[in-house]
Amino acid sequence: MSMLTPPGMGGKYRITGDKYPRMRRPRRRGRIVLVVVAAAVALGLAGWGTLQLIDVFTGDDAGSSAAGTRTTDCKPAPKPSVAAPLALKPAQVTVNVYNATPRGGLAKAAADELKLRGFAIGKVGNAPEAYDKKIPGTGILLGGAAAQRGAFRVLATQLKGSQVKTDTRATADIDLILGTAFRTLDTKKDADTALAALANPAPAPAPSGKC
């Protein structure tokens, strides 16, 4: 055997000239792996495309059931809220009645009617200069900040459309300043109904629980 003969060749090949036998491993297994991977990728893309088509033609519900990943967030409807009942009575509210209109006698007439309805009456007379003949509506309820927690709400049941304003007074009394649009207080029946609603508020409509 020649020294130029590769080991293990058993003398089958001899190197002559400048050409050598090529010793390469077979590549059949690598090609098979590549083919399998390519087929898996193609199947995955085809499946994803199918799900997208389902979403387009049938909407989110069908897409959710097919994909199994998206769910509808459906929460139960919250319980209806109920306003806190107002226990303040008309007798606990002291009202000063002022007339800001050009018509005389309105303050006294309104004060007398409020007294019959159970309110405590304080001062009665013409409106201060800052308000005299300067109120275009039915009237203004004027008082300290604490009046917003109850006294304003009770007196407002007697005169629809009245506005509410606060000042810096520290006393609990409130003013009813009659405006140029004032004709008379609301009827006692309507006022009593409004007072009853303050004492026993009805629950607000429950929000829909539909998704």
N, C-alpha and C. Protein backbone atom coordinates (compact mmCIF):
# COMPACT_ATOMS: atom_id res chain seq x y z
N MET A 1 0.85 -1.19 0.00
CA MET A 1 0.00 0.00 0.00
C MET A 1 0.88 1.23 0.00
N SER A 2 0.50 2.15 -0.81
CA SER A 2 1.29 3.38 -0.90
C SER A 2 1.03 4.24 0.31
N MET A 3 2.00 5.01 0.69
CA MET A 3 1.83 5.92 1.82
C MET A 3 0.85 7.02 1.49
N LEU A 4 0.57 7.23 0.21
CA LEU A 4 -0.39 8.25 -0.17
C LEU A 4 -1.81 7.74 -0.20
N THR A 5 -1.97 6.45 0.07
CA THR A 5 -3.33 5.89 0.10
C THR A 5 -3.99 6.20 1.44
N PRO A 6 -5.17 6.82 1.46
CA PRO A 6 -5.83 7.16 2.75
C PRO A 6 -6.12 5.92 3.55
N PRO A 7 -6.00 6.01 4.91
CA PRO A 7 -6.25 4.84 5.76
C PRO A 7 -7.68 4.37 5.61
N GLY A 8 -7.89 3.06 5.69
CA GLY A 8 -9.22 2.48 5.62
C GLY A 8 -9.73 2.32 4.23
N MET A 9 -9.01 2.78 3.27
CA MET A 9 -9.49 2.67 1.90
C MET A 9 -9.18 1.30 1.32
N GLY A 10 -8.30 0.53 2.06
CA GLY A 10 -8.00 -0.84 1.62
C GLY A 10 -7.34 -0.87 0.27
N GLY A 11 -6.69 0.16 -0.06
CA GLY A 11 -6.02 0.16 -1.34
C GLY A 11 -6.92 0.31 -2.52
N LYS A 12 -8.22 0.66 -2.23
CA LYS A 12 -9.17 0.77 -3.34
C LYS A 12 -8.92 1.98 -4.18
N TYR A 13 -8.47 3.06 -3.48
CA TYR A 13 -8.20 4.28 -4.22
C TYR A 13 -6.73 4.62 -4.08
N ARG A 14 -6.21 5.06 -5.11
CA ARG A 14 -4.84 5.53 -5.09
C ARG A 14 -4.80 6.94 -5.63
N ILE A 15 -3.99 7.72 -4.99
CA ILE A 15 -3.88 9.11 -5.38
C ILE A 15 -2.85 9.22 -6.46
N THR A 16 -3.32 9.70 -7.54
CA THR A 16 -2.41 9.92 -8.66
C THR A 16 -2.58 11.32 -9.14
N GLY A 17 -1.53 11.93 -9.54
CA GLY A 17 -1.60 13.30 -10.01
C GLY A 17 -2.00 14.26 -8.92
N ASP A 18 -2.86 15.26 -9.26
CA ASP A 18 -3.30 16.27 -8.28
C ASP A 18 -4.76 16.13 -7.92
N LYS A 19 -5.41 14.98 -8.11
CA LYS A 19 -6.81 14.75 -7.76
C LYS A 19 -6.90 13.84 -6.56
N TYR A 20 -7.85 14.17 -5.64
CA TYR A 20 -8.03 13.40 -4.42
C TYR A 20 -9.50 12.98 -4.31
N PRO A 21 -9.75 11.86 -3.73
CA PRO A 21 -11.14 11.45 -3.53
C PRO A 21 -11.83 12.36 -2.51
N ARG A 22 -13.13 12.71 -2.77
CA ARG A 22 -13.89 13.57 -1.88
C ARG A 22 -14.59 12.73 -0.82
N MET A 23 -14.32 13.05 0.49
CA MET A 23 -14.91 12.29 1.60
C MET A 23 -16.00 13.17 2.25
N ARG A 24 -17.25 13.06 1.83
CA ARG A 24 -18.35 13.88 2.35
C ARG A 24 -19.42 12.99 2.98
N ARG A 25 -20.03 13.54 4.06
CA ARG A 25 -21.12 12.80 4.72
C ARG A 25 -22.42 13.03 3.95
N PRO A 26 -23.27 12.09 3.92
CA PRO A 26 -24.55 12.26 3.20
C PRO A 26 -25.41 13.34 3.85
N ARG A 27 -26.16 14.10 3.03
CA ARG A 27 -26.97 15.23 3.51
C ARG A 27 -28.48 14.92 3.51
N ARG A 28 -28.83 13.70 3.33
CA ARG A 28 -30.25 13.36 3.21
C ARG A 28 -31.03 13.70 4.48
N ARG A 29 -30.49 13.45 5.67
CA ARG A 29 -31.20 13.72 6.92
C ARG A 29 -31.45 15.20 7.10
N GLY A 30 -30.48 16.06 6.81
CA GLY A 30 -30.67 17.50 6.94
C GLY A 30 -31.77 18.02 6.04
N ARG A 31 -31.84 17.48 4.85
CA ARG A 31 -32.90 17.92 3.94
C ARG A 31 -34.29 17.54 4.46
N ILE A 32 -34.38 16.37 5.05
CA ILE A 32 -35.67 15.92 5.60
C ILE A 32 -36.13 16.87 6.72
N VAL A 33 -35.20 17.25 7.60
CA VAL A 33 -35.54 18.16 8.70
C VAL A 33 -36.04 19.50 8.17
N LEU A 34 -35.36 20.01 7.15
CA LEU A 34 -35.77 21.29 6.57
C LEU A 34 -37.16 21.21 5.97
N VAL A 35 -37.45 20.12 5.31
CA VAL A 35 -38.76 19.93 4.70
C VAL A 35 -39.85 19.88 5.77
N VAL A 36 -39.59 19.17 6.89
CA VAL A 36 -40.58 19.06 7.97
C VAL A 36 -40.84 20.42 8.60
N VAL A 37 -39.78 21.19 8.85
CA VAL A 37 -39.93 22.52 9.46
C VAL A 37 -40.73 23.44 8.54
N ALA A 38 -40.39 23.42 7.25
CA ALA A 38 -41.10 24.26 6.30
C ALA A 38 -42.58 23.90 6.23
N ALA A 39 -42.90 22.61 6.28
CA ALA A 39 -44.29 22.19 6.25
C ALA A 39 -45.05 22.65 7.50
N ALA A 40 -44.39 22.57 8.67
CA ALA A 40 -45.03 23.01 9.91
C ALA A 40 -45.33 24.50 9.88
N VAL A 41 -44.38 25.30 9.37
CA VAL A 41 -44.58 26.74 9.28
C VAL A 41 -45.74 27.05 8.34
N ALA A 42 -45.79 26.36 7.22
CA ALA A 42 -46.86 26.59 6.25
C ALA A 42 -48.23 26.27 6.85
N LEU A 43 -48.33 25.17 7.61
CA LEU A 43 -49.59 24.80 8.23
C LEU A 43 -50.00 25.83 9.28
N GLY A 44 -49.02 26.33 10.06
CA GLY A 44 -49.33 27.34 11.06
C GLY A 44 -49.86 28.60 10.44
N LEU A 45 -49.24 29.05 9.35
CA LEU A 45 -49.70 30.26 8.68
C LEU A 45 -51.10 30.07 8.10
N ALA A 46 -51.35 28.89 7.56
CA ALA A 46 -52.67 28.62 6.99
C ALA A 46 -53.74 28.64 8.07
N GLY A 47 -53.44 28.06 9.25
CA GLY A 47 -54.41 28.06 10.34
C GLY A 47 -54.70 29.46 10.84
N TRP A 48 -53.64 30.28 10.98
CA TRP A 48 -53.83 31.66 11.44
C TRP A 48 -54.67 32.45 10.45
N GLY A 49 -54.42 32.25 9.16
CA GLY A 49 -55.20 32.94 8.13
C GLY A 49 -56.66 32.54 8.18
N THR A 50 -56.93 31.28 8.47
CA THR A 50 -58.32 30.81 8.56
C THR A 50 -59.05 31.50 9.70
N LEU A 51 -58.38 31.62 10.87
CA LEU A 51 -59.00 32.30 12.00
C LEU A 51 -59.29 33.76 11.70
N GLN A 52 -58.41 34.42 10.98
CA GLN A 52 -58.65 35.82 10.61
C GLN A 52 -59.87 35.95 9.69
N LEU A 53 -60.02 35.03 8.77
CA LEU A 53 -61.19 35.05 7.89
C LEU A 53 -62.48 34.83 8.67
N ILE A 54 -62.43 33.97 9.69
CA ILE A 54 -63.61 33.73 10.52
C ILE A 54 -64.01 35.01 11.24
N ASP A 55 -63.01 35.73 11.76
CA ASP A 55 -63.29 37.00 12.44
C ASP A 55 -63.95 38.00 11.51
N VAL A 56 -63.48 38.05 10.27
CA VAL A 56 -63.99 39.04 9.32
C VAL A 56 -65.43 38.76 8.96
N PHE A 57 -65.76 37.51 8.71
CA PHE A 57 -67.08 37.17 8.19
C PHE A 57 -68.12 36.88 9.26
N THR A 58 -67.70 36.52 10.45
CA THR A 58 -68.67 36.17 11.49
C THR A 58 -68.61 37.08 12.70
N GLY A 59 -67.64 37.96 12.82
CA GLY A 59 -67.58 38.88 13.95
C GLY A 59 -66.74 38.34 15.08
N ASP A 60 -66.68 39.16 16.17
CA ASP A 60 -65.80 38.83 17.28
C ASP A 60 -66.23 37.59 18.04
N ASP A 61 -67.57 37.36 18.12
CA ASP A 61 -68.03 36.21 18.89
C ASP A 61 -67.55 34.91 18.31
N ALA A 62 -67.66 34.78 16.95
CA ALA A 62 -67.20 33.55 16.32
C ALA A 62 -65.70 33.44 16.42
N GLY A 63 -65.00 34.57 16.25
CA GLY A 63 -63.56 34.54 16.35
C GLY A 63 -63.12 34.14 17.74
N SER A 64 -63.85 34.58 18.74
CA SER A 64 -63.48 34.25 20.10
C SER A 64 -63.66 32.76 20.36
N SER A 65 -64.77 32.20 19.86
CA SER A 65 -64.99 30.78 20.09
C SER A 65 -64.00 29.93 19.34
N ALA A 66 -63.56 30.40 18.14
CA ALA A 66 -62.61 29.62 17.37
C ALA A 66 -61.23 29.72 17.96
N ALA A 67 -60.81 30.93 18.34
CA ALA A 67 -59.47 31.10 18.87
C ALA A 67 -59.38 30.61 20.29
N GLY A 68 -60.47 30.75 21.07
CA GLY A 68 -60.46 30.28 22.45
C GLY A 68 -59.64 31.15 23.37
N THR A 69 -59.36 32.39 22.95
CA THR A 69 -58.51 33.25 23.77
C THR A 69 -59.22 34.49 24.23
N ARG A 70 -60.14 35.05 23.44
CA ARG A 70 -60.83 36.27 23.82
C ARG A 70 -62.14 35.92 24.51
N THR A 71 -62.42 36.60 25.61
CA THR A 71 -63.66 36.37 26.34
C THR A 71 -64.37 37.69 26.55
N THR A 72 -65.69 37.65 26.68
CA THR A 72 -66.48 38.85 26.90
C THR A 72 -66.49 39.18 28.38
N ASP A 73 -66.12 40.43 28.72
CA ASP A 73 -66.08 40.86 30.11
C ASP A 73 -67.47 41.36 30.50
N CYS A 74 -68.28 40.49 31.05
CA CYS A 74 -69.66 40.81 31.40
C CYS A 74 -69.78 40.88 32.91
N LYS A 75 -69.96 42.10 33.45
CA LYS A 75 -70.06 42.28 34.89
C LYS A 75 -71.52 42.43 35.29
N PRO A 76 -71.88 41.99 36.49
CA PRO A 76 -73.27 42.17 36.94
C PRO A 76 -73.57 43.64 37.14
N ALA A 77 -74.82 44.00 36.92
CA ALA A 77 -75.23 45.40 37.06
C ALA A 77 -75.12 45.83 38.51
N PRO A 78 -74.59 47.05 38.75
CA PRO A 78 -74.49 47.52 40.14
C PRO A 78 -75.87 47.77 40.72
N LYS A 79 -75.95 47.68 42.03
CA LYS A 79 -77.22 47.92 42.69
C LYS A 79 -77.60 49.40 42.59
N PRO A 80 -78.88 49.70 42.42
CA PRO A 80 -79.29 51.11 42.32
C PRO A 80 -78.98 51.86 43.60
N SER A 81 -78.51 53.10 43.44
CA SER A 81 -78.17 53.91 44.60
C SER A 81 -79.42 54.60 45.14
N VAL A 82 -79.42 54.83 46.43
CA VAL A 82 -80.54 55.50 47.08
C VAL A 82 -79.99 56.71 47.82
N ALA A 83 -80.57 57.89 47.56
CA ALA A 83 -80.12 59.10 48.24
C ALA A 83 -80.47 59.02 49.73
N ALA A 84 -79.62 59.63 50.54
CA ALA A 84 -79.87 59.62 51.98
C ALA A 84 -81.12 60.44 52.29
N PRO A 85 -82.01 59.91 53.12
CA PRO A 85 -83.22 60.67 53.47
C PRO A 85 -82.87 61.92 54.26
N LEU A 86 -83.63 62.97 54.07
CA LEU A 86 -83.41 64.24 54.76
C LEU A 86 -84.42 64.36 55.89
N ALA A 87 -83.91 64.36 57.13
CA ALA A 87 -84.79 64.39 58.29
C ALA A 87 -85.16 65.80 58.73
N LEU A 88 -84.59 66.83 58.08
CA LEU A 88 -84.84 68.22 58.48
C LEU A 88 -86.29 68.60 58.18
N LYS A 89 -86.96 69.19 59.16
CA LYS A 89 -88.35 69.60 59.03
C LYS A 89 -88.44 71.11 58.76
N PRO A 90 -89.54 71.57 58.12
CA PRO A 90 -89.70 73.01 57.88
C PRO A 90 -89.59 73.84 59.15
N ALA A 91 -90.05 73.33 60.29
CA ALA A 91 -90.00 74.08 61.54
C ALA A 91 -88.56 74.34 61.99
N GLN A 92 -87.61 73.57 61.48
CA GLN A 92 -86.21 73.75 61.84
C GLN A 92 -85.49 74.74 60.92
N VAL A 93 -86.22 75.31 59.96
CA VAL A 93 -85.62 76.23 58.98
C VAL A 93 -86.20 77.63 59.21
N THR A 94 -85.33 78.60 59.53
CA THR A 94 -85.74 79.98 59.70
C THR A 94 -85.51 80.73 58.39
N VAL A 95 -86.58 81.35 57.88
CA VAL A 95 -86.54 82.00 56.57
C VAL A 95 -86.78 83.50 56.72
N ASN A 96 -85.88 84.28 56.15
CA ASN A 96 -86.09 85.73 56.00
C ASN A 96 -86.62 85.97 54.59
N VAL A 97 -87.74 86.67 54.46
CA VAL A 97 -88.37 86.86 53.16
C VAL A 97 -88.21 88.33 52.74
N TYR A 98 -87.62 88.51 51.55
CA TYR A 98 -87.38 89.86 51.03
C TYR A 98 -87.99 90.01 49.63
N ASN A 99 -88.54 91.18 49.37
CA ASN A 99 -89.17 91.46 48.09
C ASN A 99 -88.22 92.30 47.22
N ALA A 100 -87.80 91.73 46.08
CA ALA A 100 -86.93 92.46 45.16
C ALA A 100 -87.67 92.89 43.91
N THR A 101 -89.01 92.89 43.97
CA THR A 101 -89.83 93.28 42.81
C THR A 101 -90.42 94.68 43.03
N PRO A 102 -90.94 95.30 41.94
CA PRO A 102 -91.61 96.61 42.11
C PRO A 102 -92.98 96.49 42.76
N ARG A 103 -93.51 95.30 42.92
CA ARG A 103 -94.85 95.11 43.46
C ARG A 103 -94.79 95.00 44.99
N GLY A 104 -95.62 95.71 45.64
CA GLY A 104 -95.63 95.70 47.09
C GLY A 104 -96.42 94.55 47.68
N GLY A 105 -96.10 94.18 48.93
CA GLY A 105 -96.87 93.19 49.67
C GLY A 105 -96.48 91.74 49.41
N LEU A 106 -95.57 91.48 48.46
CA LEU A 106 -95.24 90.09 48.13
C LEU A 106 -94.48 89.40 49.27
N ALA A 107 -93.57 90.10 49.91
CA ALA A 107 -92.78 89.49 50.98
C ALA A 107 -93.68 89.03 52.12
N LYS A 108 -94.61 89.89 52.54
CA LYS A 108 -95.50 89.53 53.66
C LYS A 108 -96.41 88.36 53.28
N ALA A 109 -96.94 88.38 52.06
CA ALA A 109 -97.84 87.30 51.64
C ALA A 109 -97.09 85.96 51.60
N ALA A 110 -95.87 85.97 51.06
CA ALA A 110 -95.08 84.74 50.99
C ALA A 110 -94.69 84.27 52.39
N ALA A 111 -94.33 85.22 53.27
CA ALA A 111 -93.95 84.85 54.63
C ALA A 111 -95.13 84.23 55.39
N ASP A 112 -96.30 84.81 55.23
CA ASP A 112 -97.49 84.26 55.90
C ASP A 112 -97.78 82.83 55.43
N GLU A 113 -97.64 82.60 54.13
CA GLU A 113 -97.91 81.25 53.60
C GLU A 113 -96.86 80.26 54.09
N LEU A 114 -95.61 80.67 54.12
CA LEU A 114 -94.57 79.78 54.62
C LEU A 114 -94.79 79.44 56.10
N LYS A 115 -95.27 80.41 56.85
CA LYS A 115 -95.54 80.16 58.27
C LYS A 115 -96.66 79.12 58.42
N LEU A 116 -97.70 79.24 57.59
CA LEU A 116 -98.77 78.25 57.63
C LEU A 116 -98.26 76.84 57.28
N ARG A 117 -97.23 76.78 56.48
CA ARG A 117 -96.67 75.48 56.08
C ARG A 117 -95.62 74.95 57.05
N GLY A 118 -95.44 75.66 58.16
CA GLY A 118 -94.58 75.14 59.21
C GLY A 118 -93.20 75.74 59.31
N PHE A 119 -92.84 76.68 58.45
CA PHE A 119 -91.51 77.28 58.50
C PHE A 119 -91.47 78.36 59.59
N ALA A 120 -90.28 78.54 60.16
CA ALA A 120 -90.06 79.63 61.10
C ALA A 120 -89.70 80.88 60.30
N ILE A 121 -90.31 81.99 60.61
CA ILE A 121 -90.12 83.21 59.84
C ILE A 121 -89.27 84.21 60.64
N GLY A 122 -88.27 84.77 59.96
CA GLY A 122 -87.41 85.77 60.58
C GLY A 122 -87.79 87.16 60.12
N LYS A 123 -86.93 87.82 59.39
CA LYS A 123 -87.18 89.18 58.92
C LYS A 123 -88.02 89.17 57.65
N VAL A 124 -88.83 90.20 57.48
CA VAL A 124 -89.67 90.35 56.29
C VAL A 124 -89.57 91.81 55.84
N GLY A 125 -89.33 92.02 54.54
CA GLY A 125 -89.24 93.39 54.07
C GLY A 125 -88.72 93.46 52.65
N ASN A 126 -88.25 94.65 52.26
CA ASN A 126 -87.69 94.84 50.93
C ASN A 126 -86.27 94.28 50.85
N ALA A 127 -85.89 93.87 49.64
CA ALA A 127 -84.56 93.27 49.44
C ALA A 127 -83.46 94.31 49.61
N PRO A 128 -82.25 93.90 50.02
CA PRO A 128 -81.12 94.82 50.09
C PRO A 128 -80.82 95.42 48.72
N GLU A 129 -80.11 96.55 48.72
CA GLU A 129 -79.80 97.26 47.48
C GLU A 129 -79.12 96.37 46.45
N ALA A 130 -78.28 95.45 46.89
CA ALA A 130 -77.53 94.58 45.96
C ALA A 130 -78.45 93.68 45.15
N TYR A 131 -79.69 93.44 45.65
CA TYR A 131 -80.62 92.54 44.97
C TYR A 131 -81.91 93.22 44.52
N ASP A 132 -82.20 94.39 45.02
CA ASP A 132 -83.48 95.03 44.73
C ASP A 132 -83.67 95.27 43.23
N LYS A 133 -84.75 94.68 42.69
CA LYS A 133 -85.10 94.79 41.27
C LYS A 133 -83.98 94.30 40.35
N LYS A 134 -83.18 93.38 40.84
CA LYS A 134 -82.06 92.85 40.04
C LYS A 134 -82.11 91.33 39.91
N ILE A 135 -83.26 90.75 40.24
CA ILE A 135 -83.41 89.30 40.16
C ILE A 135 -84.48 89.00 39.12
N PRO A 136 -84.10 88.54 37.92
CA PRO A 136 -85.09 88.31 36.86
C PRO A 136 -85.91 87.05 37.04
N GLY A 137 -85.42 86.08 37.82
CA GLY A 137 -86.13 84.81 37.98
C GLY A 137 -87.17 84.86 39.08
N THR A 138 -87.59 83.67 39.52
CA THR A 138 -88.62 83.61 40.56
C THR A 138 -88.08 83.98 41.93
N GLY A 139 -86.81 83.69 42.17
CA GLY A 139 -86.26 84.03 43.47
C GLY A 139 -84.88 83.42 43.69
N ILE A 140 -84.24 83.85 44.76
CA ILE A 140 -82.92 83.35 45.14
C ILE A 140 -82.98 82.88 46.59
N LEU A 141 -82.39 81.72 46.85
CA LEU A 141 -82.22 81.24 48.22
C LEU A 141 -80.79 81.59 48.61
N LEU A 142 -80.61 82.36 49.66
CA LEU A 142 -79.30 82.85 50.06
C LEU A 142 -79.03 82.46 51.50
N GLY A 143 -77.84 81.88 51.74
CA GLY A 143 -77.49 81.47 53.10
C GLY A 143 -76.05 81.04 53.19
N GLY A 144 -75.65 80.61 54.38
CA GLY A 144 -74.29 80.13 54.61
C GLY A 144 -74.05 78.78 53.94
N ALA A 145 -72.78 78.39 53.92
CA ALA A 145 -72.42 77.13 53.27
C ALA A 145 -73.11 75.92 53.91
N ALA A 146 -73.36 75.99 55.22
CA ALA A 146 -74.00 74.86 55.90
C ALA A 146 -75.42 74.62 55.42
N ALA A 147 -76.05 75.64 54.85
CA ALA A 147 -77.44 75.49 54.39
C ALA A 147 -77.55 74.52 53.22
N GLN A 148 -76.46 74.28 52.52
CA GLN A 148 -76.51 73.36 51.38
C GLN A 148 -76.78 71.93 51.82
N ARG A 149 -76.51 71.62 53.08
CA ARG A 149 -76.71 70.25 53.56
C ARG A 149 -78.16 69.94 53.91
N GLY A 150 -79.05 70.95 53.85
CA GLY A 150 -80.44 70.64 54.18
C GLY A 150 -81.42 71.78 54.03
N ALA A 151 -81.11 72.94 54.60
CA ALA A 151 -82.10 74.03 54.63
C ALA A 151 -82.49 74.49 53.23
N PHE A 152 -81.51 74.61 52.34
CA PHE A 152 -81.82 75.00 50.96
C PHE A 152 -82.76 74.01 50.31
N ARG A 153 -82.51 72.73 50.51
CA ARG A 153 -83.31 71.70 49.87
C ARG A 153 -84.75 71.72 50.38
N VAL A 154 -84.93 72.00 51.67
CA VAL A 154 -86.28 72.04 52.23
C VAL A 154 -87.04 73.25 51.70
N LEU A 155 -86.41 74.42 51.69
CA LEU A 155 -87.10 75.62 51.21
C LEU A 155 -87.35 75.57 49.70
N ALA A 156 -86.46 74.93 48.96
CA ALA A 156 -86.64 74.84 47.50
C ALA A 156 -87.88 74.06 47.11
N THR A 157 -88.41 73.24 48.00
CA THR A 157 -89.65 72.51 47.70
C THR A 157 -90.85 73.45 47.58
N GLN A 158 -90.72 74.68 48.08
CA GLN A 158 -91.83 75.62 48.07
C GLN A 158 -91.85 76.53 46.84
N LEU A 159 -90.73 76.57 46.11
CA LEU A 159 -90.64 77.49 44.98
C LEU A 159 -89.75 76.89 43.90
N LYS A 160 -90.36 76.33 42.88
CA LYS A 160 -89.58 75.74 41.79
C LYS A 160 -88.87 76.84 40.99
N GLY A 161 -87.69 76.50 40.50
CA GLY A 161 -86.96 77.44 39.66
C GLY A 161 -86.12 78.44 40.43
N SER A 162 -86.12 78.37 41.75
CA SER A 162 -85.31 79.30 42.53
C SER A 162 -83.83 78.93 42.43
N GLN A 163 -82.98 79.96 42.46
CA GLN A 163 -81.54 79.75 42.42
C GLN A 163 -80.99 79.71 43.85
N VAL A 164 -79.78 79.13 43.98
CA VAL A 164 -79.15 79.00 45.29
C VAL A 164 -77.81 79.73 45.27
N LYS A 165 -77.58 80.57 46.28
CA LYS A 165 -76.31 81.26 46.44
C LYS A 165 -75.89 81.19 47.90
N THR A 166 -74.59 81.19 48.14
CA THR A 166 -74.08 81.16 49.50
C THR A 166 -73.34 82.45 49.81
N ASP A 167 -73.33 82.79 51.10
CA ASP A 167 -72.56 83.94 51.56
C ASP A 167 -71.73 83.51 52.77
N THR A 168 -71.19 84.46 53.48
CA THR A 168 -70.25 84.14 54.57
C THR A 168 -70.91 84.15 55.95
N ARG A 169 -72.21 84.19 56.03
CA ARG A 169 -72.87 84.25 57.34
C ARG A 169 -72.60 82.98 58.13
N ALA A 170 -72.55 83.12 59.44
CA ALA A 170 -72.32 81.98 60.32
C ALA A 170 -73.62 81.46 60.94
N THR A 171 -74.72 82.19 60.77
CA THR A 171 -76.00 81.79 61.34
C THR A 171 -76.70 80.77 60.43
N ALA A 172 -77.70 80.08 60.98
CA ALA A 172 -78.38 79.01 60.24
C ALA A 172 -79.56 79.51 59.43
N ASP A 173 -79.98 80.78 59.61
CA ASP A 173 -81.13 81.28 58.87
C ASP A 173 -80.78 81.45 57.40
N ILE A 174 -81.80 81.42 56.54
CA ILE A 174 -81.60 81.62 55.11
C ILE A 174 -82.59 82.65 54.59
N ASP A 175 -82.24 83.27 53.46
CA ASP A 175 -83.08 84.31 52.87
C ASP A 175 -83.81 83.77 51.64
N LEU A 176 -85.06 84.18 51.51
CA LEU A 176 -85.80 83.97 50.28
C LEU A 176 -86.02 85.35 49.67
N ILE A 177 -85.32 85.65 48.58
CA ILE A 177 -85.43 86.95 47.92
C ILE A 177 -86.27 86.76 46.67
N LEU A 178 -87.44 87.34 46.64
CA LEU A 178 -88.39 87.14 45.55
C LEU A 178 -87.99 87.96 44.33
N GLY A 179 -87.92 87.31 43.14
CA GLY A 179 -87.54 87.98 41.91
C GLY A 179 -88.74 88.48 41.13
N THR A 180 -88.46 89.17 40.02
CA THR A 180 -89.53 89.79 39.22
C THR A 180 -90.46 88.77 38.57
N ALA A 181 -90.01 87.54 38.40
CA ALA A 181 -90.87 86.51 37.81
C ALA A 181 -91.74 85.81 38.84
N PHE A 182 -91.62 86.18 40.11
CA PHE A 182 -92.40 85.52 41.16
C PHE A 182 -93.87 85.92 41.10
N ARG A 183 -94.73 84.93 41.21
CA ARG A 183 -96.17 85.19 41.29
C ARG A 183 -96.72 84.66 42.61
N THR A 184 -96.40 83.43 42.91
CA THR A 184 -96.87 82.82 44.15
C THR A 184 -96.00 81.60 44.43
N LEU A 185 -96.07 81.12 45.64
CA LEU A 185 -95.37 79.88 45.98
C LEU A 185 -96.05 78.70 45.28
N ASP A 186 -95.34 77.58 45.19
CA ASP A 186 -95.95 76.37 44.65
C ASP A 186 -97.13 75.96 45.53
N THR A 187 -98.06 75.23 44.95
CA THR A 187 -99.22 74.79 45.74
C THR A 187 -98.75 73.93 46.91
N LYS A 188 -99.52 73.93 47.95
CA LYS A 188 -99.15 73.14 49.14
C LYS A 188 -99.07 71.65 48.81
N LYS A 189 -99.95 71.21 47.92
CA LYS A 189 -99.93 69.79 47.54
C LYS A 189 -98.60 69.44 46.88
N ASP A 190 -98.17 70.25 45.93
CA ASP A 190 -96.90 69.99 45.26
C ASP A 190 -95.73 70.09 46.23
N ALA A 191 -95.78 71.09 47.12
CA ALA A 191 -94.71 71.26 48.09
C ALA A 191 -94.64 70.08 49.05
N ASP A 192 -95.79 69.58 49.52
CA ASP A 192 -95.80 68.43 50.42
C ASP A 192 -95.26 67.18 49.72
N THR A 193 -95.59 67.01 48.44
CA THR A 193 -95.06 65.87 47.69
C THR A 193 -93.54 65.95 47.59
N ALA A 194 -93.03 67.14 47.33
CA ALA A 194 -91.57 67.31 47.25
C ALA A 194 -90.90 67.07 48.59
N LEU A 195 -91.53 67.51 49.68
CA LEU A 195 -90.98 67.27 51.01
C LEU A 195 -90.97 65.78 51.34
N ALA A 196 -92.02 65.08 50.96
CA ALA A 196 -92.08 63.63 51.20
C ALA A 196 -90.99 62.90 50.44
N ALA A 197 -90.68 63.39 49.24
CA ALA A 197 -89.62 62.76 48.45
C ALA A 197 -88.25 62.96 49.11
N LEU A 198 -88.07 64.07 49.80
CA LEU A 198 -86.81 64.28 50.53
C LEU A 198 -86.70 63.33 51.72
N ALA A 199 -87.81 63.10 52.40
CA ALA A 199 -87.79 62.24 53.57
C ALA A 199 -87.70 60.76 53.20
N ASN A 200 -88.26 60.39 52.03
CA ASN A 200 -88.24 58.99 51.58
C ASN A 200 -87.87 58.96 50.11
N PRO A 201 -86.59 59.16 49.80
CA PRO A 201 -86.17 59.21 48.38
C PRO A 201 -86.33 57.85 47.71
N ALA A 202 -86.77 57.87 46.46
CA ALA A 202 -86.91 56.64 45.69
C ALA A 202 -85.55 56.26 45.12
N PRO A 203 -85.29 54.95 44.99
CA PRO A 203 -84.00 54.53 44.42
C PRO A 203 -83.89 54.94 42.97
N ALA A 204 -82.67 55.23 42.55
CA ALA A 204 -82.42 55.58 41.15
C ALA A 204 -82.61 54.35 40.29
N PRO A 205 -82.98 54.52 39.00
CA PRO A 205 -83.13 53.36 38.10
C PRO A 205 -81.83 52.56 38.02
N ALA A 206 -81.97 51.24 38.08
CA ALA A 206 -80.80 50.37 38.03
C ALA A 206 -80.20 50.36 36.64
N PRO A 207 -78.87 50.49 36.52
CA PRO A 207 -78.22 50.40 35.20
C PRO A 207 -78.44 49.02 34.59
N SER A 208 -78.46 48.99 33.27
CA SER A 208 -78.64 47.71 32.58
C SER A 208 -77.45 46.80 32.81
N GLY A 209 -77.72 45.51 33.03
CA GLY A 209 -76.65 44.55 33.22
C GLY A 209 -76.25 43.84 31.95
N LYS A 210 -76.80 44.28 30.81
CA LYS A 210 -76.48 43.62 29.54
C LYS A 210 -75.07 43.95 29.12
N CYS A 211 -74.45 43.00 28.44
CA CYS A 211 -73.08 43.19 27.95
C CYS A 211 -73.13 43.80 26.56
